[in-house]
Amino acid sequence: MGQQGEYAYVVKSDHTVEYRPVVVERAAGLDTVIKSGLKPSEVVVTDGHLRLVAGSRVSIKGDESQQVAP
């Protein structure tokens, strides 16, 4: 949640992020279902998003099968 509503940062193929407004269908605990604004295959930022602006370069950590191809 931000000043302009609910949003996510989507990681693009060049490892920069794009600000994307989203519509949340429901949330329970740590799980959130996004109704619109994202596609199933897109990678989103889950940590450190408060320090980002559109165009910021990020590195992906964790499961290599989930990484965006360069």
PDB file of N, CA and C in Angstrom:
ATOM      1  N   MET A   1       0.845  -1.185   0.000  1.00  0.00           N
ATOM      2  CA  MET A   1       0.000   0.000   0.000  1.00  0.00           C
ATOM      3  C   MET A   1       0.887   1.243   0.000  1.00  0.00           C
ATOM      4  N   GLY A   2       0.580   2.154  -0.888  1.00  0.00           N
ATOM      5  CA  GLY A   2       1.321   3.407  -0.971  1.00  0.00           C
ATOM      6  C   GLY A   2       0.367   4.580  -0.982  1.00  0.00           C
ATOM      7  N   GLN A   3       0.883   5.757  -1.216  1.00  0.00           N
ATOM      8  CA  GLN A   3       0.057   6.968  -1.232  1.00  0.00           C
ATOM      9  C   GLN A   3      -0.993   6.936  -2.336  1.00  0.00           C
ATOM     10  N   GLN A   4      -0.698   6.213  -3.430  1.00  0.00           N
ATOM     11  CA  GLN A   4      -1.638   6.152  -4.553  1.00  0.00           C
ATOM     12  C   GLN A   4      -2.373   4.824  -4.614  1.00  0.00           C
ATOM     13  N   GLY A   5      -2.372   4.071  -3.517  1.00  0.00           N
ATOM     14  CA  GLY A   5      -3.098   2.809  -3.478  1.00  0.00           C
ATOM     15  C   GLY A   5      -2.171   1.609  -3.466  1.00  0.00           C
ATOM     16  N   GLU A   6      -2.735   0.455  -3.773  1.00  0.00           N
ATOM     17  CA  GLU A   6      -1.976  -0.786  -3.744  1.00  0.00           C
ATOM     18  C   GLU A   6      -1.123  -0.910  -4.997  1.00  0.00           C
ATOM     19  N   TYR A   7       0.089  -1.460  -4.829  1.00  0.00           N
ATOM     20  CA  TYR A   7       1.021  -1.538  -5.951  1.00  0.00           C
ATOM     21  C   TYR A   7       1.992  -2.694  -5.753  1.00  0.00           C
ATOM     22  N   ALA A   8       2.720  -2.993  -6.812  1.00  0.00           N
ATOM     23  CA  ALA A   8       3.827  -3.949  -6.760  1.00  0.00           C
ATOM     24  C   ALA A   8       4.914  -3.426  -7.682  1.00  0.00           C
ATOM     25  N   TYR A   9       6.146  -3.833  -7.417  1.00  0.00           N
ATOM     26  CA  TYR A   9       7.232  -3.572  -8.347  1.00  0.00           C
ATOM     27  C   TYR A   9       7.487  -4.858  -9.105  1.00  0.00           C
ATOM     28  N   VAL A  10       7.388  -4.788 -10.427  1.00  0.00           N
ATOM     29  CA  VAL A  10       7.609  -5.939 -11.301  1.00  0.00           C
ATOM     30  C   VAL A  10       9.039  -5.864 -11.824  1.00  0.00           C
ATOM     31  N   VAL A  11       9.756  -6.992 -11.760  1.00  0.00           N
ATOM     32  CA  VAL A  11      11.134  -7.053 -12.240  1.00  0.00           C
ATOM     33  C   VAL A  11      11.103  -7.359 -13.737  1.00  0.00           C
ATOM     34  N   LYS A  12      11.721  -6.463 -14.517  1.00  0.00           N
ATOM     35  CA  LYS A  12      11.775  -6.639 -15.969  1.00  0.00           C
ATOM     36  C   LYS A  12      13.012  -7.456 -16.348  1.00  0.00           C
ATOM     37  N   SER A  13      13.102  -7.855 -17.608  1.00  0.00           N
ATOM     38  CA  SER A  13      14.189  -8.724 -18.073  1.00  0.00           C
ATOM     39  C   SER A  13      15.570  -8.095 -17.911  1.00  0.00           C
ATOM     40  N   ASP A  14      15.659  -6.770 -17.863  1.00  0.00           N
ATOM     41  CA  ASP A  14      16.964  -6.112 -17.677  1.00  0.00           C
ATOM     42  C   ASP A  14      17.292  -5.883 -16.202  1.00  0.00           C
ATOM     43  N   HIS A  15      16.511  -6.516 -15.301  1.00  0.00           N
ATOM     44  CA  HIS A  15      16.692  -6.451 -13.843  1.00  0.00           C
ATOM     45  C   HIS A  15      16.424  -5.057 -13.276  1.00  0.00           C
ATOM     46  N   THR A  16      15.624  -4.264 -13.973  1.00  0.00           N
ATOM     47  CA  THR A  16      15.121  -3.023 -13.397  1.00  0.00           C
ATOM     48  C   THR A  16      13.664  -3.262 -13.023  1.00  0.00           C
ATOM     49  N   VAL A  17      13.124  -2.370 -12.205  1.00  0.00           N
ATOM     50  CA  VAL A  17      11.749  -2.567 -11.744  1.00  0.00           C
ATOM     51  C   VAL A  17      10.811  -1.545 -12.354  1.00  0.00           C
ATOM     52  N   GLU A  18       9.567  -1.967 -12.466  1.00  0.00           N
ATOM     53  CA  GLU A  18       8.489  -1.126 -12.986  1.00  0.00           C
ATOM     54  C   GLU A  18       7.404  -1.054 -11.912  1.00  0.00           C
ATOM     55  N   TYR A  19       6.978   0.163 -11.576  1.00  0.00           N
ATOM     56  CA  TYR A  19       5.887   0.371 -10.616  1.00  0.00           C
ATOM     57  C   TYR A  19       4.582  -0.047 -11.285  1.00  0.00           C
ATOM     58  N   ARG A  20       3.795  -0.849 -10.613  1.00  0.00           N
ATOM     59  CA  ARG A  20       2.541  -1.330 -11.209  1.00  0.00           C
ATOM     60  C   ARG A  20       1.407  -1.257 -10.185  1.00  0.00           C
ATOM     61  N   PRO A  21       0.356  -0.465 -10.443  1.00  0.00           N
ATOM     62  CA  PRO A  21      -0.816  -0.482  -9.567  1.00  0.00           C
ATOM     63  C   PRO A  21      -1.504  -1.843  -9.672  1.00  0.00           C
ATOM     64  N   VAL A  22      -1.998  -2.364  -8.560  1.00  0.00           N
ATOM     65  CA  VAL A  22      -2.676  -3.659  -8.553  1.00  0.00           C
ATOM     66  C   VAL A  22      -3.988  -3.540  -7.789  1.00  0.00           C
ATOM     67  N   VAL A  23      -4.877  -4.501  -8.031  1.00  0.00           N
ATOM     68  CA  VAL A  23      -6.126  -4.607  -7.285  1.00  0.00           C
ATOM     69  C   VAL A  23      -6.059  -5.910  -6.500  1.00  0.00           C
ATOM     70  N   VAL A  24      -6.194  -5.806  -5.182  1.00  0.00           N
ATOM     71  CA  VAL A  24      -6.157  -6.981  -4.319  1.00  0.00           C
ATOM     72  C   VAL A  24      -7.565  -7.541  -4.191  1.00  0.00           C
ATOM     73  N   GLU A  25      -7.704  -8.848  -4.460  1.00  0.00           N
ATOM     74  CA  GLU A  25      -9.004  -9.505  -4.311  1.00  0.00           C
ATOM     75  C   GLU A  25      -9.270  -9.839  -2.846  1.00  0.00           C
ATOM     76  N   ARG A  26      -8.252 -10.443  -2.195  1.00  0.00           N
ATOM     77  CA  ARG A  26      -8.374 -10.741  -0.760  1.00  0.00           C
ATOM     78  C   ARG A  26      -6.996 -10.975  -0.174  1.00  0.00           C
ATOM     79  N   ALA A  27      -6.903 -10.808   1.130  1.00  0.00           N
ATOM     80  CA  ALA A  27      -5.657 -11.048   1.850  1.00  0.00           C
ATOM     81  C   ALA A  27      -5.988 -11.756   3.154  1.00  0.00           C
ATOM     82  N   ALA A  28      -5.130 -12.709   3.518  1.00  0.00           N
ATOM     83  CA  ALA A  28      -5.280 -13.442   4.772  1.00  0.00           C
ATOM     84  C   ALA A  28      -3.884 -13.741   5.299  1.00  0.00           C
ATOM     85  N   GLY A  29      -3.546 -13.150   6.418  1.00  0.00           N
ATOM     86  CA  GLY A  29      -2.215 -13.351   6.979  1.00  0.00           C
ATOM     87  C   GLY A  29      -1.156 -12.809   6.036  1.00  0.00           C
ATOM     88  N   LEU A  30      -0.202 -13.660   5.640  1.00  0.00           N
ATOM     89  CA  LEU A  30       0.860 -13.249   4.737  1.00  0.00           C
ATOM     90  C   LEU A  30       0.545 -13.508   3.277  1.00  0.00           C
ATOM     91  N   ASP A  31      -0.628 -14.089   2.996  1.00  0.00           N
ATOM     92  CA  ASP A  31      -1.015 -14.408   1.620  1.00  0.00           C
ATOM     93  C   ASP A  31      -1.944 -13.345   1.056  1.00  0.00           C
ATOM     94  N   THR A  32      -1.692 -12.956  -0.199  1.00  0.00           N
ATOM     95  CA  THR A  32      -2.520 -11.963  -0.878  1.00  0.00           C
ATOM     96  C   THR A  32      -2.843 -12.466  -2.274  1.00  0.00           C
ATOM     97  N   VAL A  33      -4.109 -12.355  -2.665  1.00  0.00           N
ATOM     98  CA  VAL A  33      -4.544 -12.731  -4.008  1.00  0.00           C
ATOM     99  C   VAL A  33      -4.733 -11.443  -4.805  1.00  0.00           C
ATOM    100  N   ILE A  34      -3.999 -11.321  -5.920  1.00  0.00           N
ATOM    101  CA  ILE A  34      -4.081 -10.134  -6.772  1.00  0.00           C
ATOM    102  C   ILE A  34      -5.135 -10.378  -7.843  1.00  0.00           C
ATOM    103  N   LYS A  35      -6.122  -9.488  -7.906  1.00  0.00           N
ATOM    104  CA  LYS A  35      -7.204  -9.607  -8.880  1.00  0.00           C
ATOM    105  C   LYS A  35      -6.768  -9.120 -10.257  1.00  0.00           C
ATOM    106  N   SER A  36      -6.052  -8.004 -10.297  1.00  0.00           N
ATOM    107  CA  SER A  36      -5.594  -7.477 -11.585  1.00  0.00           C
ATOM    108  C   SER A  36      -4.354  -6.623 -11.386  1.00  0.00           C
ATOM    109  N   GLY A  37      -3.602  -6.462 -12.483  1.00  0.00           N
ATOM    110  CA  GLY A  37      -2.403  -5.640 -12.459  1.00  0.00           C
ATOM    111  C   GLY A  37      -1.129  -6.437 -12.665  1.00  0.00           C
ATOM    112  N   LEU A  38      -1.194  -7.765 -12.495  1.00  0.00           N
ATOM    113  CA  LEU A  38      -0.034  -8.631 -12.691  1.00  0.00           C
ATOM    114  C   LEU A  38      -0.401  -9.802 -13.585  1.00  0.00           C
ATOM    115  N   LYS A  39       0.617 -10.345 -14.268  1.00  0.00           N
ATOM    116  CA  LYS A  39       0.445 -11.563 -15.057  1.00  0.00           C
ATOM    117  C   LYS A  39       1.067 -12.714 -14.276  1.00  0.00           C
ATOM    118  N   PRO A  40       0.566 -13.941 -14.472  1.00  0.00           N
ATOM    119  CA  PRO A  40       1.058 -15.080 -13.689  1.00  0.00           C
ATOM    120  C   PRO A  40       2.561 -15.313 -13.752  1.00  0.00           C
ATOM    121  N   SER A  41       3.222 -15.041 -14.839  1.00  0.00           N
ATOM    122  CA  SER A  41       4.651 -15.344 -14.955  1.00  0.00           C
ATOM    123  C   SER A  41       5.566 -14.212 -14.481  1.00  0.00           C
ATOM    124  N   GLU A  42       5.014 -13.079 -14.079  1.00  0.00           N
ATOM    125  CA  GLU A  42       5.849 -11.947 -13.697  1.00  0.00           C
ATOM    126  C   GLU A  42       6.482 -12.143 -12.327  1.00  0.00           C
ATOM    127  N   VAL A  43       7.700 -11.613 -12.194  1.00  0.00           N
ATOM    128  CA  VAL A  43       8.430 -11.655 -10.934  1.00  0.00           C
ATOM    129  C   VAL A  43       8.235 -10.317 -10.242  1.00  0.00           C
ATOM    130  N   VAL A  44       7.883 -10.367  -8.951  1.00  0.00           N
ATOM    131  CA  VAL A  44       7.667  -9.134  -8.191  1.00  0.00           C
ATOM    132  C   VAL A  44       8.657  -9.042  -7.039  1.00  0.00           C
ATOM    133  N   VAL A  45       8.916  -7.827  -6.602  1.00  0.00           N
ATOM    134  CA  VAL A  45       9.788  -7.574  -5.456  1.00  0.00           C
ATOM    135  C   VAL A  45       9.010  -7.890  -4.188  1.00  0.00           C
ATOM    136  N   THR A  46       9.625  -8.685  -3.300  1.00  0.00           N
ATOM    137  CA  THR A  46       8.959  -9.049  -2.044  1.00  0.00           C
ATOM    138  C   THR A  46       9.683  -8.508  -0.825  1.00  0.00           C
ATOM    139  N   ASP A  47      10.864  -7.920  -1.009  1.00  0.00           N
ATOM    140  CA  ASP A  47      11.631  -7.391   0.117  1.00  0.00           C
ATOM    141  C   ASP A  47      12.407  -6.159  -0.334  1.00  0.00           C
ATOM    142  N   GLY A  48      12.394  -5.111   0.464  1.00  0.00           N
ATOM    143  CA  GLY A  48      13.148  -3.911   0.142  1.00  0.00           C
ATOM    144  C   GLY A  48      12.439  -2.945  -0.777  1.00  0.00           C
ATOM    145  N   HIS A  49      11.156  -3.145  -1.007  1.00  0.00           N
ATOM    146  CA  HIS A  49      10.420  -2.303  -1.959  1.00  0.00           C
ATOM    147  C   HIS A  49      10.304  -0.843  -1.519  1.00  0.00           C
ATOM    148  N   LEU A  50      10.446  -0.561  -0.234  1.00  0.00           N
ATOM    149  CA  LEU A  50      10.323   0.826   0.238  1.00  0.00           C
ATOM    150  C   LEU A  50      11.486   1.698  -0.220  1.00  0.00           C
ATOM    151  N   ARG A  51      12.594   1.077  -0.619  1.00  0.00           N
ATOM    152  CA  ARG A  51      13.758   1.834  -1.079  1.00  0.00           C
ATOM    153  C   ARG A  51      13.806   1.970  -2.598  1.00  0.00           C
ATOM    154  N   LEU A  52      12.823   1.445  -3.301  1.00  0.00           N
ATOM    155  CA  LEU A  52      12.853   1.430  -4.764  1.00  0.00           C
ATOM    156  C   LEU A  52      12.105   2.601  -5.384  1.00  0.00           C
ATOM    157  N   VAL A  53      12.516   2.927  -6.595  1.00  0.00           N
ATOM    158  CA  VAL A  53      11.766   3.822  -7.480  1.00  0.00           C
ATOM    159  C   VAL A  53      11.760   3.134  -8.843  1.00  0.00           C
ATOM    160  N   ALA A  54      10.834   3.493  -9.695  1.00  0.00           N
ATOM    161  CA  ALA A  54      10.772   2.895 -11.029  1.00  0.00           C
ATOM    162  C   ALA A  54      12.119   3.056 -11.717  1.00  0.00           C
ATOM    163  N   GLY A  55      12.613   1.969 -12.308  1.00  0.00           N
ATOM    164  CA  GLY A  55      13.891   1.992 -12.994  1.00  0.00           C
ATOM    165  C   GLY A  55      15.065   1.530 -12.147  1.00  0.00           C
ATOM    166  N   SER A  56      14.850   1.328 -10.846  1.00  0.00           N
ATOM    167  CA  SER A  56      15.930   0.827  -9.983  1.00  0.00           C
ATOM    168  C   SER A  56      16.373  -0.546 -10.458  1.00  0.00           C
ATOM    169  N   ARG A  57      17.678  -0.815 -10.363  1.00  0.00           N
ATOM    170  CA  ARG A  57      18.226  -2.120 -10.725  1.00  0.00           C
ATOM    171  C   ARG A  57      18.227  -2.990  -9.468  1.00  0.00           C
ATOM    172  N   VAL A  58      17.803  -4.241  -9.629  1.00  0.00           N
ATOM    173  CA  VAL A  58      17.741  -5.176  -8.511  1.00  0.00           C
ATOM    174  C   VAL A  58      18.471  -6.468  -8.856  1.00  0.00           C
ATOM    175  N   SER A  59      18.838  -7.213  -7.817  1.00  0.00           N
ATOM    176  CA  SER A  59      19.370  -8.554  -8.025  1.00  0.00           C
ATOM    177  C   SER A  59      18.382  -9.529  -7.407  1.00  0.00           C
ATOM    178  N   ILE A  60      18.225 -10.665  -8.054  1.00  0.00           N
ATOM    179  CA  ILE A  60      17.256 -11.657  -7.602  1.00  0.00           C
ATOM    180  C   ILE A  60      17.978 -12.691  -6.766  1.00  0.00           C
ATOM    181  N   LYS A  61      17.462 -12.964  -5.573  1.00  0.00           N
ATOM    182  CA  LYS A  61      18.056 -13.959  -4.686  1.00  0.00           C
ATOM    183  C   LYS A  61      17.063 -15.061  -4.450  1.00  0.00           C
ATOM    184  N   GLY A  62      17.575 -16.255  -4.158  1.00  0.00           N
ATOM    185  CA  GLY A  62      16.693 -17.366  -3.862  1.00  0.00           C
ATOM    186  C   GLY A  62      16.714 -18.410  -4.946  1.00  0.00           C
ATOM    187  N   ASP A  63      15.588 -19.019  -5.194  1.00  0.00           N
ATOM    188  CA  ASP A  63      15.440 -20.119  -6.135  1.00  0.00           C
ATOM    189  C   ASP A  63      15.838 -19.707  -7.542  1.00  0.00           C
ATOM    190  N   GLU A  64      16.879 -20.345  -8.093  1.00  0.00           N
ATOM    191  CA  GLU A  64      17.325 -20.001  -9.434  1.00  0.00           C
ATOM    192  C   GLU A  64      16.280 -20.262 -10.520  1.00  0.00           C
ATOM    193  N   SER A  65      15.345 -21.179 -10.278  1.00  0.00           N
ATOM    194  CA  SER A  65      14.322 -21.445 -11.290  1.00  0.00           C
ATOM    195  C   SER A  65      13.346 -20.285 -11.421  1.00  0.00           C
ATOM    196  N   GLN A  66      13.345 -19.377 -10.466  1.00  0.00           N
ATOM    197  CA  GLN A  66      12.445 -18.229 -10.497  1.00  0.00           C
ATOM    198  C   GLN A  66      13.101 -16.964 -11.036  1.00  0.00           C
ATOM    199  N   GLN A  67      14.389 -17.033 -11.392  1.00  0.00           N
ATOM    200  CA  GLN A  67      15.095 -15.845 -11.835  1.00  0.00           C
ATOM    201  C   GLN A  67      14.717 -15.447 -13.253  1.00  0.00           C
ATOM    202  N   VAL A  68      14.750 -14.144 -13.498  1.00  0.00           N
ATOM    203  CA  VAL A  68      14.453 -13.574 -14.812  1.00  0.00           C
ATOM    204  C   VAL A  68      15.680 -13.752 -15.692  1.00  0.00           C
ATOM    205  N   ALA A  69      15.487 -14.206 -16.907  1.00  0.00           N
ATOM    206  CA  ALA A  69      16.600 -14.380 -17.844  1.00  0.00           C
ATOM    207  C   ALA A  69      17.158 -13.005 -18.235  1.00  0.00           C
ATOM    208  N   PRO A  70      18.493 -12.884 -18.351  1.00  0.00           N
ATOM    209  CA  PRO A  70      19.091 -11.577 -18.713  1.00  0.00           C
ATOM    210  C   PRO A  70      18.798 -11.170 -20.139  1.00  0.00           C
TER     211      PRO A  70
END
